[in-house]
Amino acid sequence: MEKNWDPGVKKFFVKILNSISLGLLWMLTCAIAGIYFQLGFINGKPIVYPILFYAAMVTSLFLLVRYLYKIWQKD
């Protein structure tokens, strides 16, 4: 089945799948760190941990978007 595909279409689908999988991985990682490890909440611990967590979350989102933008701009 794969041998009859146009190489451009295959590259396009790989880009789509990579974008979706990286986005879901980022969301899952942030949700696990924020909820399961309780880094997103202030529960009697220093305020520094949630601030660092949200700063790392925003920074990683920026890097993910920049990476995806570069991938989609290629060829």
N, C-alpha and C. Protein backbone atom coordinates (compact mmCIF):
# COMPACT_ATOMS: atom_id res chain seq x y z
N MET A 1 0.82 -1.20 0.00
CA MET A 1 0.00 0.00 0.00
C MET A 1 0.86 1.26 0.00
N GLU A 2 1.94 1.22 0.73
CA GLU A 2 2.77 2.40 0.88
C GLU A 2 3.57 2.71 -0.39
N LYS A 3 3.83 1.74 -1.21
CA LYS A 3 4.68 1.97 -2.37
C LYS A 3 4.00 2.82 -3.44
N ASN A 4 2.68 2.95 -3.41
CA ASN A 4 1.96 3.75 -4.41
C ASN A 4 1.70 5.18 -3.96
N TRP A 5 2.20 5.56 -2.79
CA TRP A 5 1.96 6.90 -2.28
C TRP A 5 2.89 7.91 -2.95
N ASP A 6 2.37 9.10 -3.08
CA ASP A 6 3.20 10.21 -3.54
C ASP A 6 4.11 10.64 -2.39
N PRO A 7 5.40 10.84 -2.63
CA PRO A 7 6.32 11.21 -1.54
C PRO A 7 5.93 12.51 -0.84
N GLY A 8 5.35 13.45 -1.56
CA GLY A 8 4.92 14.71 -0.96
C GLY A 8 3.78 14.52 0.03
N VAL A 9 2.86 13.64 -0.31
CA VAL A 9 1.73 13.36 0.58
C VAL A 9 2.21 12.64 1.82
N LYS A 10 3.13 11.72 1.65
CA LYS A 10 3.68 10.99 2.80
C LYS A 10 4.40 11.95 3.74
N LYS A 11 5.19 12.88 3.20
CA LYS A 11 5.89 13.87 4.02
C LYS A 11 4.91 14.76 4.77
N PHE A 12 3.82 15.12 4.09
CA PHE A 12 2.80 15.96 4.71
C PHE A 12 2.12 15.26 5.88
N PHE A 13 1.78 13.98 5.69
CA PHE A 13 1.14 13.22 6.77
C PHE A 13 2.08 12.99 7.94
N VAL A 14 3.36 12.81 7.66
CA VAL A 14 4.34 12.65 8.73
C VAL A 14 4.44 13.95 9.54
N LYS A 15 4.41 15.09 8.86
CA LYS A 15 4.43 16.38 9.57
C LYS A 15 3.20 16.53 10.46
N ILE A 16 2.04 16.15 9.94
CA ILE A 16 0.81 16.24 10.73
C ILE A 16 0.89 15.34 11.96
N LEU A 17 1.30 14.10 11.77
CA LEU A 17 1.39 13.16 12.89
C LEU A 17 2.42 13.60 13.92
N ASN A 18 3.56 14.10 13.47
CA ASN A 18 4.56 14.60 14.40
C ASN A 18 4.07 15.81 15.19
N SER A 19 3.36 16.70 14.53
CA SER A 19 2.84 17.89 15.21
C SER A 19 1.81 17.51 16.28
N ILE A 20 0.91 16.61 15.92
CA ILE A 20 -0.11 16.17 16.88
C ILE A 20 0.53 15.43 18.05
N SER A 21 1.46 14.53 17.75
CA SER A 21 2.07 13.75 18.83
C SER A 21 2.90 14.62 19.76
N LEU A 22 3.65 15.57 19.23
CA LEU A 22 4.43 16.46 20.09
C LEU A 22 3.53 17.36 20.93
N GLY A 23 2.45 17.85 20.34
CA GLY A 23 1.50 18.67 21.10
C GLY A 23 0.85 17.89 22.23
N LEU A 24 0.44 16.66 21.94
CA LEU A 24 -0.17 15.82 22.98
C LEU A 24 0.84 15.44 24.06
N LEU A 25 2.07 15.18 23.66
CA LEU A 25 3.11 14.86 24.64
C LEU A 25 3.36 16.05 25.56
N TRP A 26 3.40 17.26 24.99
CA TRP A 26 3.59 18.46 25.80
C TRP A 26 2.43 18.65 26.78
N MET A 27 1.21 18.50 26.29
CA MET A 27 0.05 18.67 27.17
C MET A 27 0.01 17.61 28.28
N LEU A 28 0.31 16.37 27.93
CA LEU A 28 0.31 15.30 28.92
C LEU A 28 1.39 15.52 29.98
N THR A 29 2.56 15.93 29.55
CA THR A 29 3.64 16.20 30.49
C THR A 29 3.28 17.34 31.44
N CYS A 30 2.71 18.41 30.91
CA CYS A 30 2.31 19.54 31.76
C CYS A 30 1.19 19.15 32.72
N ALA A 31 0.25 18.36 32.25
CA ALA A 31 -0.85 17.94 33.12
C ALA A 31 -0.36 17.02 34.23
N ILE A 32 0.52 16.09 33.90
CA ILE A 32 1.04 15.20 34.93
C ILE A 32 1.86 15.97 35.95
N ALA A 33 2.72 16.85 35.48
CA ALA A 33 3.56 17.62 36.41
C ALA A 33 2.71 18.57 37.25
N GLY A 34 1.70 19.16 36.67
CA GLY A 34 0.89 20.13 37.40
C GLY A 34 -0.11 19.52 38.35
N ILE A 35 -0.72 18.41 37.96
CA ILE A 35 -1.77 17.81 38.78
C ILE A 35 -1.22 16.69 39.67
N TYR A 36 -0.55 15.72 39.06
CA TYR A 36 -0.10 14.55 39.83
C TYR A 36 0.99 14.93 40.84
N PHE A 37 1.97 15.72 40.38
CA PHE A 37 3.04 16.15 41.28
C PHE A 37 2.70 17.43 42.01
N GLN A 38 1.54 17.98 41.75
CA GLN A 38 0.99 19.17 42.42
C GLN A 38 1.92 20.38 42.33
N LEU A 39 2.55 20.54 41.18
CA LEU A 39 3.40 21.72 40.98
C LEU A 39 2.59 22.94 40.58
N GLY A 40 1.38 22.74 40.11
CA GLY A 40 0.54 23.85 39.68
C GLY A 40 -0.30 24.44 40.79
N PHE A 41 -0.24 23.87 41.98
CA PHE A 41 -1.07 24.32 43.09
C PHE A 41 -0.20 24.90 44.20
N ILE A 42 -0.82 25.77 44.98
CA ILE A 42 -0.16 26.31 46.16
C ILE A 42 -0.84 25.68 47.36
N ASN A 43 -0.21 24.66 47.92
CA ASN A 43 -0.78 23.92 49.05
C ASN A 43 0.17 23.96 50.24
N GLY A 44 0.41 25.10 50.77
CA GLY A 44 1.27 25.21 51.93
C GLY A 44 2.74 25.06 51.62
N LYS A 45 3.11 25.07 50.36
CA LYS A 45 4.52 25.01 50.01
C LYS A 45 4.93 26.38 49.47
N PRO A 46 6.21 26.61 49.33
CA PRO A 46 6.66 27.92 48.85
C PRO A 46 6.08 28.26 47.47
N ILE A 47 5.84 29.53 47.26
CA ILE A 47 5.25 30.01 46.01
C ILE A 47 6.21 29.87 44.83
N VAL A 48 7.48 29.60 45.13
CA VAL A 48 8.49 29.50 44.08
C VAL A 48 8.22 28.32 43.15
N TYR A 49 7.75 27.19 43.69
CA TYR A 49 7.54 26.00 42.86
C TYR A 49 6.47 26.21 41.78
N PRO A 50 5.30 26.76 42.10
CA PRO A 50 4.34 27.00 41.02
C PRO A 50 4.82 28.05 40.01
N ILE A 51 5.54 29.06 40.49
CA ILE A 51 6.06 30.08 39.57
C ILE A 51 7.06 29.45 38.60
N LEU A 52 7.96 28.63 39.11
CA LEU A 52 8.92 27.95 38.24
C LEU A 52 8.24 26.98 37.29
N PHE A 53 7.21 26.29 37.78
CA PHE A 53 6.48 25.35 36.93
C PHE A 53 5.81 26.07 35.77
N TYR A 54 5.09 27.16 36.07
CA TYR A 54 4.40 27.87 34.99
C TYR A 54 5.37 28.57 34.06
N ALA A 55 6.50 29.04 34.58
CA ALA A 55 7.51 29.64 33.71
C ALA A 55 8.10 28.59 32.77
N ALA A 56 8.38 27.41 33.30
CA ALA A 56 8.90 26.32 32.45
C ALA A 56 7.85 25.88 31.44
N MET A 57 6.59 25.89 31.85
CA MET A 57 5.51 25.50 30.95
C MET A 57 5.39 26.47 29.77
N VAL A 58 5.43 27.75 30.06
CA VAL A 58 5.33 28.76 29.00
C VAL A 58 6.56 28.71 28.11
N THR A 59 7.73 28.55 28.70
CA THR A 59 8.96 28.47 27.91
C THR A 59 8.96 27.26 26.99
N SER A 60 8.54 26.11 27.52
CA SER A 60 8.51 24.92 26.68
C SER A 60 7.45 25.03 25.59
N LEU A 61 6.34 25.70 25.87
CA LEU A 61 5.34 25.92 24.82
C LEU A 61 5.89 26.81 23.72
N PHE A 62 6.62 27.84 24.11
CA PHE A 62 7.25 28.72 23.11
C PHE A 62 8.23 27.93 22.25
N LEU A 63 9.05 27.10 22.87
CA LEU A 63 10.02 26.31 22.12
C LEU A 63 9.34 25.29 21.21
N LEU A 64 8.24 24.70 21.68
CA LEU A 64 7.49 23.75 20.85
C LEU A 64 6.88 24.44 19.63
N VAL A 65 6.29 25.59 19.84
CA VAL A 65 5.68 26.32 18.72
C VAL A 65 6.75 26.76 17.73
N ARG A 66 7.89 27.21 18.24
CA ARG A 66 8.98 27.61 17.35
C ARG A 66 9.49 26.43 16.54
N TYR A 67 9.62 25.27 17.18
CA TYR A 67 10.07 24.07 16.48
C TYR A 67 9.07 23.66 15.41
N LEU A 68 7.79 23.65 15.76
CA LEU A 68 6.76 23.27 14.78
C LEU A 68 6.70 24.27 13.63
N TYR A 69 6.89 25.54 13.93
CA TYR A 69 6.89 26.56 12.86
C TYR A 69 8.04 26.30 11.89
N LYS A 70 9.22 25.98 12.42
CA LYS A 70 10.36 25.70 11.55
C LYS A 70 10.15 24.44 10.73
N ILE A 71 9.55 23.43 11.33
CA ILE A 71 9.28 22.19 10.60
C ILE A 71 8.30 22.44 9.46
N TRP A 72 7.27 23.24 9.71
CA TRP A 72 6.25 23.48 8.68
C TRP A 72 6.74 24.44 7.61
N GLN A 73 7.79 25.22 7.89
CA GLN A 73 8.31 26.14 6.88
C GLN A 73 9.26 25.47 5.93
N LYS A 74 9.80 24.31 6.33
CA LYS A 74 10.71 23.59 5.45
C LYS A 74 9.95 23.03 4.26
N ASP A 75 10.56 23.11 3.12
CA ASP A 75 10.09 22.49 1.87
C ASP A 75 8.61 22.46 1.75
